[in-house]
PDB file of N, CA and C in Angstrom:
ATOM      1  N   MET A   1       0.485  -9.641  25.682  1.00  0.00           N
ATOM      2  CA  MET A   1      -0.473  -8.245  25.823  1.00  0.00           C
ATOM      3  C   MET A   1      -2.028  -8.867  26.753  1.00  0.00           C
ATOM      4  N   LEU A   2      -2.392  -7.637  26.945  1.00  0.00           N
ATOM      5  CA  LEU A   2      -3.545  -7.606  27.857  1.00  0.00           C
ATOM      6  C   LEU A   2      -5.418  -7.162  27.255  1.00  0.00           C
ATOM      7  N   TYR A   3      -6.054  -7.560  27.496  1.00  0.00           N
ATOM      8  CA  TYR A   3      -7.350  -5.916  26.739  1.00  0.00           C
ATOM      9  C   TYR A   3      -7.598  -5.580  28.263  1.00  0.00           C
ATOM     10  N   SER A   4      -8.370  -4.539  27.821  1.00  0.00           N
ATOM     11  CA  SER A   4      -9.074  -3.436  29.448  1.00  0.00           C
ATOM     12  C   SER A   4     -10.104  -2.935  28.900  1.00  0.00           C
ATOM     13  N   GLU A   5     -10.842  -2.553  29.376  1.00  0.00           N
ATOM     14  CA  GLU A   5     -11.762  -1.394  29.319  1.00  0.00           C
ATOM     15  C   GLU A   5     -11.788  -0.086  29.473  1.00  0.00           C
ATOM     16  N   ASP A   6     -10.675  -0.028  30.088  1.00  0.00           N
ATOM     17  CA  ASP A   6      -9.834   1.239  30.230  1.00  0.00           C
ATOM     18  C   ASP A   6      -8.481   1.242  30.269  1.00  0.00           C
ATOM     19  N   ALA A   7      -7.894   1.157  28.643  1.00  0.00           N
ATOM     20  CA  ALA A   7      -6.830   0.572  28.557  1.00  0.00           C
ATOM     21  C   ALA A   7      -5.921   1.930  29.110  1.00  0.00           C
ATOM     22  N   PRO A   8      -6.231   3.024  28.287  1.00  0.00           N
ATOM     23  CA  PRO A   8      -5.591   4.184  29.124  1.00  0.00           C
ATOM     24  C   PRO A   8      -5.149   4.918  29.844  1.00  0.00           C
ATOM     25  N   LYS A   9      -6.362   4.053  30.779  1.00  0.00           N
ATOM     26  CA  LYS A   9      -5.752   4.246  32.809  1.00  0.00           C
ATOM     27  C   LYS A   9      -4.885   3.355  33.295  1.00  0.00           C
ATOM     28  N   LEU A  10      -5.516   2.095  32.817  1.00  0.00           N
ATOM     29  CA  LEU A  10      -4.519   1.283  33.188  1.00  0.00           C
ATOM     30  C   LEU A  10      -3.437   1.211  32.654  1.00  0.00           C
ATOM     31  N   GLU A  11      -2.811   1.720  31.648  1.00  0.00           N
ATOM     32  CA  GLU A  11      -1.444   2.196  31.280  1.00  0.00           C
ATOM     33  C   GLU A  11      -0.881   3.098  32.042  1.00  0.00           C
ATOM     34  N   LYS A  12      -1.567   3.345  32.205  1.00  0.00           N
ATOM     35  CA  LYS A  12      -1.197   5.396  32.595  1.00  0.00           C
ATOM     36  C   LYS A  12      -0.320   4.645  34.327  1.00  0.00           C
ATOM     37  N   GLU A  13      -1.600   3.789  34.689  1.00  0.00           N
ATOM     38  CA  GLU A  13      -1.257   3.439  36.022  1.00  0.00           C
ATOM     39  C   GLU A  13       0.144   1.924  36.062  1.00  0.00           C
ATOM     40  N   LEU A  14       0.165   1.369  35.286  1.00  0.00           N
ATOM     41  CA  LEU A  14       1.250   0.791  35.549  1.00  0.00           C
ATOM     42  C   LEU A  14       3.002   1.396  34.938  1.00  0.00           C
ATOM     43  N   HIS A  15       2.628   2.418  34.444  1.00  0.00           N
ATOM     44  CA  HIS A  15       3.641   3.345  33.908  1.00  0.00           C
ATOM     45  C   HIS A  15       4.440   3.789  35.045  1.00  0.00           C
ATOM     46  N   GLU A  16       3.197   4.208  35.892  1.00  0.00           N
ATOM     47  CA  GLU A  16       3.629   5.296  37.202  1.00  0.00           C
ATOM     48  C   GLU A  16       4.358   4.202  37.951  1.00  0.00           C
ATOM     49  N   LYS A  17       3.827   2.621  38.227  1.00  0.00           N
ATOM     50  CA  LYS A  17       3.947   1.650  38.832  1.00  0.00           C
ATOM     51  C   LYS A  17       5.280   1.022  38.997  1.00  0.00           C
ATOM     52  N   PHE A  18       5.971   1.108  37.484  1.00  0.00           N
ATOM     53  CA  PHE A  18       6.633   0.771  37.249  1.00  0.00           C
ATOM     54  C   PHE A  18       8.223   1.920  36.839  1.00  0.00           C
ATOM     55  N   LYS A  19       7.538   2.425  36.778  1.00  0.00           N
ATOM     56  CA  LYS A  19       8.914   3.989  36.500  1.00  0.00           C
ATOM     57  C   LYS A  19      10.437   3.837  36.893  1.00  0.00           C
ATOM     58  N   LEU A  20      10.530   3.260  37.796  1.00  0.00           N
ATOM     59  CA  LEU A  20      11.794   2.827  38.577  1.00  0.00           C
ATOM     60  C   LEU A  20      12.550   2.207  37.141  1.00  0.00           C
ATOM     61  N   ASP A  21      11.742   1.046  37.120  1.00  0.00           N
ATOM     62  CA  ASP A  21      12.274  -0.165  36.109  1.00  0.00           C
ATOM     63  C   ASP A  21      12.168   0.436  34.185  1.00  0.00           C
ATOM     64  N   SER A  22      12.142   1.477  33.650  1.00  0.00           N
ATOM     65  CA  SER A  22      11.908   2.083  32.999  1.00  0.00           C
ATOM     66  C   SER A  22      13.393   2.017  32.267  1.00  0.00           C
ATOM     67  N   VAL A  23      13.462   1.022  30.602  1.00  0.00           N
ATOM     68  CA  VAL A  23      15.129   1.281  30.512  1.00  0.00           C
ATOM     69  C   VAL A  23      15.751   2.257  30.096  1.00  0.00           C
ATOM     70  N   ASN A  24      15.317   3.500  29.450  1.00  0.00           N
ATOM     71  CA  ASN A  24      15.285   4.469  28.885  1.00  0.00           C
ATOM     72  C   ASN A  24      15.416   5.100  29.582  1.00  0.00           C
ATOM     73  N   LYS A  25      15.840   6.076  30.535  1.00  0.00           N
ATOM     74  CA  LYS A  25      16.439   6.589  31.401  1.00  0.00           C
ATOM     75  C   LYS A  25      16.045   8.460  30.879  1.00  0.00           C
ATOM     76  N   VAL A  26      16.511   8.196  30.101  1.00  0.00           N
ATOM     77  CA  VAL A  26      16.863   9.586  28.962  1.00  0.00           C
ATOM     78  C   VAL A  26      15.456  10.557  28.950  1.00  0.00           C
ATOM     79  N   ASN A  27      14.434   9.286  27.771  1.00  0.00           N
ATOM     80  CA  ASN A  27      13.549   9.446  27.050  1.00  0.00           C
ATOM     81  C   ASN A  27      12.477   8.486  27.197  1.00  0.00           C
ATOM     82  N   PHE A  28      11.656   9.242  27.955  1.00  0.00           N
ATOM     83  CA  PHE A  28      10.853   8.466  28.907  1.00  0.00           C
ATOM     84  C   PHE A  28       9.438   8.189  28.213  1.00  0.00           C
ATOM     85  N   ARG A  29       9.353   8.690  26.901  1.00  0.00           N
ATOM     86  CA  ARG A  29       8.177   8.541  25.509  1.00  0.00           C
ATOM     87  C   ARG A  29       8.913   6.836  25.024  1.00  0.00           C
ATOM     88  N   LYS A  30       9.871   5.781  25.425  1.00  0.00           N
ATOM     89  CA  LYS A  30      10.421   4.662  25.100  1.00  0.00           C
ATOM     90  C   LYS A  30       9.671   4.257  26.594  1.00  0.00           C
ATOM     91  N   GLU A  31       8.571   3.540  26.122  1.00  0.00           N
ATOM     92  CA  GLU A  31       8.103   2.663  26.929  1.00  0.00           C
ATOM     93  C   GLU A  31       8.432   1.379  26.956  1.00  0.00           C
ATOM     94  N   PHE A  32       9.489   1.069  26.970  1.00  0.00           N
ATOM     95  CA  PHE A  32      10.421  -0.137  27.482  1.00  0.00           C
ATOM     96  C   PHE A  32      11.072  -0.569  29.145  1.00  0.00           C
ATOM     97  N   PHE A  33      10.177  -1.537  29.821  1.00  0.00           N
ATOM     98  CA  PHE A  33      10.131  -1.918  31.080  1.00  0.00           C
ATOM     99  C   PHE A  33      10.850  -3.213  31.270  1.00  0.00           C
ATOM    100  N   ASN A  34      11.961  -2.728  31.995  1.00  0.00           N
ATOM    101  CA  ASN A  34      12.909  -4.593  32.656  1.00  0.00           C
ATOM    102  C   ASN A  34      12.348  -4.745  33.624  1.00  0.00           C
ATOM    103  N   VAL A  35      10.354  -5.558  33.135  1.00  0.00           N
ATOM    104  CA  VAL A  35       9.443  -5.734  34.734  1.00  0.00           C
ATOM    105  C   VAL A  35       9.493  -7.346  33.910  1.00  0.00           C
ATOM    106  N   SER A  36       8.838  -8.305  34.728  1.00  0.00           N
ATOM    107  CA  SER A  36       8.516  -9.800  34.769  1.00  0.00           C
ATOM    108  C   SER A  36       7.303  -9.905  33.957  1.00  0.00           C
ATOM    109  N   LEU A  37       6.323 -10.824  33.377  1.00  0.00           N
ATOM    110  CA  LEU A  37       4.970 -11.290  33.295  1.00  0.00           C
ATOM    111  C   LEU A  37       4.412 -11.051  34.622  1.00  0.00           C
ATOM    112  N   ALA A  38       5.301 -12.013  35.592  1.00  0.00           N
ATOM    113  CA  ALA A  38       4.376 -11.676  36.539  1.00  0.00           C
ATOM    114  C   ALA A  38       4.321 -10.941  37.677  1.00  0.00           C
ATOM    115  N   ALA A  39       5.141 -10.021  37.410  1.00  0.00           N
ATOM    116  CA  ALA A  39       5.307  -8.979  38.250  1.00  0.00           C
ATOM    117  C   ALA A  39       4.085  -7.538  37.744  1.00  0.00           C
ATOM    118  N   ILE A  40       3.729  -7.438  36.444  1.00  0.00           N
ATOM    119  CA  ILE A  40       2.721  -7.350  35.635  1.00  0.00           C
ATOM    120  C   ILE A  40       1.214  -7.656  35.925  1.00  0.00           C
ATOM    121  N   ARG A  41       0.930  -9.002  35.874  1.00  0.00           N
ATOM    122  CA  ARG A  41       0.236  -9.490  36.370  1.00  0.00           C
ATOM    123  C   ARG A  41      -0.172  -9.097  37.620  1.00  0.00           C
ATOM    124  N   GLN A  42       0.597  -9.683  38.767  1.00  0.00           N
ATOM    125  CA  GLN A  42       0.094  -8.576  39.517  1.00  0.00           C
ATOM    126  C   GLN A  42      -0.110  -7.412  39.620  1.00  0.00           C
ATOM    127  N   ALA A  43       0.695  -6.510  39.499  1.00  0.00           N
ATOM    128  CA  ALA A  43      -0.130  -5.152  39.428  1.00  0.00           C
ATOM    129  C   ALA A  43      -1.531  -5.031  38.956  1.00  0.00           C
ATOM    130  N   VAL A  44      -1.891  -5.836  37.939  1.00  0.00           N
ATOM    131  CA  VAL A  44      -3.035  -5.611  37.126  1.00  0.00           C
ATOM    132  C   VAL A  44      -4.203  -6.522  37.779  1.00  0.00           C
ATOM    133  N   ASP A  45      -3.884  -7.534  38.718  1.00  0.00           N
ATOM    134  CA  ASP A  45      -4.978  -7.709  39.514  1.00  0.00           C
ATOM    135  C   ASP A  45      -4.796  -6.903  40.398  1.00  0.00           C
ATOM    136  N   GLN A  46      -4.139  -6.356  41.420  1.00  0.00           N
ATOM    137  CA  GLN A  46      -4.164  -5.494  42.367  1.00  0.00           C
ATOM    138  C   GLN A  46      -5.082  -4.052  42.399  1.00  0.00           C
ATOM    139  N   GLN A  47      -5.551  -4.180  40.911  1.00  0.00           N
ATOM    140  CA  GLN A  47      -6.259  -2.584  40.803  1.00  0.00           C
ATOM    141  C   GLN A  47      -7.429  -3.209  40.554  1.00  0.00           C
ATOM    142  N   GLY A  48      -7.544  -4.677  41.022  1.00  0.00           N
ATOM    143  CA  GLY A  48      -9.262  -5.132  41.110  1.00  0.00           C
ATOM    144  C   GLY A  48     -10.074  -4.993  39.393  1.00  0.00           C
ATOM    145  N   ILE A  49      -9.768  -5.000  38.480  1.00  0.00           N
ATOM    146  CA  ILE A  49     -10.088  -5.014  37.120  1.00  0.00           C
ATOM    147  C   ILE A  49     -10.551  -6.231  36.855  1.00  0.00           C
ATOM    148  N   GLU A  50     -11.840  -6.304  36.794  1.00  0.00           N
ATOM    149  CA  GLU A  50     -12.454  -8.048  36.373  1.00  0.00           C
ATOM    150  C   GLU A  50     -12.484  -8.165  35.406  1.00  0.00           C
ATOM    151  N   GLU A  51     -12.237  -7.131  34.298  1.00  0.00           N
ATOM    152  CA  GLU A  51     -12.657  -7.834  33.100  1.00  0.00           C
ATOM    153  C   GLU A  51     -11.560  -7.712  31.812  1.00  0.00           C
ATOM    154  N   VAL A  52     -10.084  -8.710  32.385  1.00  0.00           N
ATOM    155  CA  VAL A  52      -8.610  -8.824  31.737  1.00  0.00           C
ATOM    156  C   VAL A  52      -8.662  -9.515  30.428  1.00  0.00           C
ATOM    157  N   HIS A  53      -8.361  -9.578  29.596  1.00  0.00           N
ATOM    158  CA  HIS A  53      -7.912 -11.218  28.577  1.00  0.00           C
ATOM    159  C   HIS A  53      -5.959 -11.286  28.798  1.00  0.00           C
ATOM    160  N   TRP A  54      -5.790 -12.069  28.873  1.00  0.00           N
ATOM    161  CA  TRP A  54      -4.215 -12.486  28.836  1.00  0.00           C
ATOM    162  C   TRP A  54      -3.903 -13.022  27.992  1.00  0.00           C
ATOM    163  N   THR A  55      -2.839 -12.274  27.026  1.00  0.00           N
ATOM    164  CA  THR A  55      -2.223 -13.218  25.992  1.00  0.00           C
ATOM    165  C   THR A  55      -0.545 -12.974  26.700  1.00  0.00           C
ATOM    166  N   MET A  56      -0.841 -14.305  27.135  1.00  0.00           N
ATOM    167  CA  MET A  56       0.895 -14.765  28.063  1.00  0.00           C
ATOM    168  C   MET A  56       1.738 -15.205  27.035  1.00  0.00           C
ATOM    169  N   LYS A  57       1.296 -15.073  25.628  1.00  0.00           N
ATOM    170  CA  LYS A  57       3.001 -15.399  24.622  1.00  0.00           C
ATOM    171  C   LYS A  57       2.023 -15.191  23.275  1.00  0.00           C
ATOM    172  N   ALA A  58       3.019 -13.941  22.727  1.00  0.00           N
ATOM    173  CA  ALA A  58       2.724 -13.482  21.590  1.00  0.00           C
ATOM    174  C   ALA A  58       3.292 -13.621  19.984  1.00  0.00           C
ATOM    175  N   GLU A  59       3.548 -13.378  19.581  1.00  0.00           N
ATOM    176  CA  GLU A  59       4.316 -14.301  18.266  1.00  0.00           C
ATOM    177  C   GLU A  59       5.833 -13.967  18.198  1.00  0.00           C
ATOM    178  N   ALA A  60       5.756 -12.329  18.237  1.00  0.00           N
ATOM    179  CA  ALA A  60       6.895 -10.900  18.271  1.00  0.00           C
ATOM    180  C   ALA A  60       7.854 -12.193  17.765  1.00  0.00           C
ATOM    181  N   ALA A  61       7.335 -12.536  16.089  1.00  0.00           N
ATOM    182  CA  ALA A  61       8.698 -13.133  15.353  1.00  0.00           C
ATOM    183  C   ALA A  61       9.923 -12.153  14.875  1.00  0.00           C
ATOM    184  N   GLU A  62       9.615 -10.824  15.030  1.00  0.00           N
ATOM    185  CA  GLU A  62      11.224  -9.882  14.897  1.00  0.00           C
ATOM    186  C   GLU A  62      12.020 -10.000  15.654  1.00  0.00           C
ATOM    187  N   TYR A  63      11.585 -10.169  17.778  1.00  0.00           N
ATOM    188  CA  TYR A  63      12.226 -10.455  18.573  1.00  0.00           C
ATOM    189  C   TYR A  63      12.804 -11.413  18.431  1.00  0.00           C
ATOM    190  N   ARG A  64      11.969 -12.609  18.414  1.00  0.00           N
ATOM    191  CA  ARG A  64      12.612 -14.025  17.949  1.00  0.00           C
ATOM    192  C   ARG A  64      13.832 -14.612  17.125  1.00  0.00           C
ATOM    193  N   GLU A  65      13.677 -13.810  16.327  1.00  0.00           N
ATOM    194  CA  GLU A  65      14.387 -14.244  14.823  1.00  0.00           C
ATOM    195  C   GLU A  65      15.982 -13.079  15.307  1.00  0.00           C
ATOM    196  N   SER A  66      15.610 -11.976  16.391  1.00  0.00           N
ATOM    197  CA  SER A  66      16.652 -10.950  16.419  1.00  0.00           C
ATOM    198  C   SER A  66      17.441 -11.760  17.791  1.00  0.00           C
ATOM    199  N   GLN A  67      17.128 -12.679  18.751  1.00  0.00           N
ATOM    200  CA  GLN A  67      17.357 -13.196  19.238  1.00  0.00           C
ATOM    201  C   GLN A  67      18.173 -14.624  19.467  1.00  0.00           C
ATOM    202  N   ALA A  68      17.656 -15.186  17.943  1.00  0.00           N
ATOM    203  CA  ALA A  68      18.715 -16.023  17.121  1.00  0.00           C
ATOM    204  C   ALA A  68      20.044 -15.851  16.679  1.00  0.00           C
ATOM    205  N   ILE A  69      19.899 -14.269  16.080  1.00  0.00           N
ATOM    206  CA  ILE A  69      21.066 -14.010  15.636  1.00  0.00           C
ATOM    207  C   ILE A  69      21.870 -13.076  16.153  1.00  0.00           C
ATOM    208  N   ALA A  70      21.410 -12.706  17.284  1.00  0.00           N
ATOM    209  CA  ALA A  70      22.468 -12.385  18.614  1.00  0.00           C
ATOM    210  C   ALA A  70      22.985 -13.524  19.341  1.00  0.00           C
ATOM    211  N   LYS A  71      22.493 -14.782  19.081  1.00  0.00           N
ATOM    212  CA  LYS A  71      22.768 -15.857  19.697  1.00  0.00           C
ATOM    213  C   LYS A  71      24.316 -16.188  18.944  1.00  0.00           C
ATOM    214  N   GLN A  72      23.718 -16.760  17.575  1.00  0.00           N
ATOM    215  CA  GLN A  72      24.811 -16.495  16.603  1.00  0.00           C
ATOM    216  C   GLN A  72      25.814 -16.045  16.725  1.00  0.00           C
ATOM    217  N   ASN A  73      25.962 -14.441  16.509  1.00  0.00           N
ATOM    218  CA  ASN A  73      27.134 -13.420  16.929  1.00  0.00           C
ATOM    219  C   ASN A  73      28.287 -13.603  17.829  1.00  0.00           C
ATOM    220  N   GLU A  74      27.172 -14.433  19.123  1.00  0.00           N
ATOM    221  CA  GLU A  74      28.123 -14.914  20.343  1.00  0.00           C
ATOM    222  C   GLU A  74      28.629 -16.250  20.019  1.00  0.00           C
ATOM    223  N   VAL A  75      28.331 -16.861  19.670  1.00  0.00           N
ATOM    224  CA  VAL A  75      28.330 -17.977  19.154  1.00  0.00           C
ATOM    225  C   VAL A  75      29.826 -18.253  18.183  1.00  0.00           C
ATOM    226  N   ALA A  76      29.647 -17.394  16.928  1.00  0.00           N
ATOM    227  CA  ALA A  76      31.261 -16.892  16.582  1.00  0.00           C
ATOM    228  C   ALA A  76      32.535 -15.956  16.820  1.00  0.00           C
ATOM    229  N   ILE A  77      31.643 -15.374  17.782  1.00  0.00           N
ATOM    230  CA  ILE A  77      32.770 -14.295  18.584  1.00  0.00           C
ATOM    231  C   ILE A  77      33.900 -15.359  19.299  1.00  0.00           C
ATOM    232  N   ALA A  78      33.253 -16.455  19.773  1.00  0.00           N
ATOM    233  CA  ALA A  78      33.707 -17.039  20.704  1.00  0.00           C
ATOM    234  C   ALA A  78      34.507 -18.216  20.193  1.00  0.00           C
ATOM    235  N   SER A  79      33.891 -18.374  18.719  1.00  0.00           N
ATOM    236  CA  SER A  79      34.827 -19.794  18.314  1.00  0.00           C
ATOM    237  C   SER A  79      35.748 -18.952  17.788  1.00  0.00           C
TER     238      SER A  79
END
């Protein structure tokens, strides 16, 4: 997560830069991208935005729980 004084402008610029990395090629309103955090940080840094606050590790409890379930399912299938 990051904070910016002009978040809508930054979001639009990042979407444009990473449009080829969009996960959903059919519905562009689904805003998921297969991009590393390092690439995002580099793109933001290139914008020259001085006042940016980064949170590099979000809680994402449901995501982490979903990953654990998926891993358990893989182990069960392999057994």
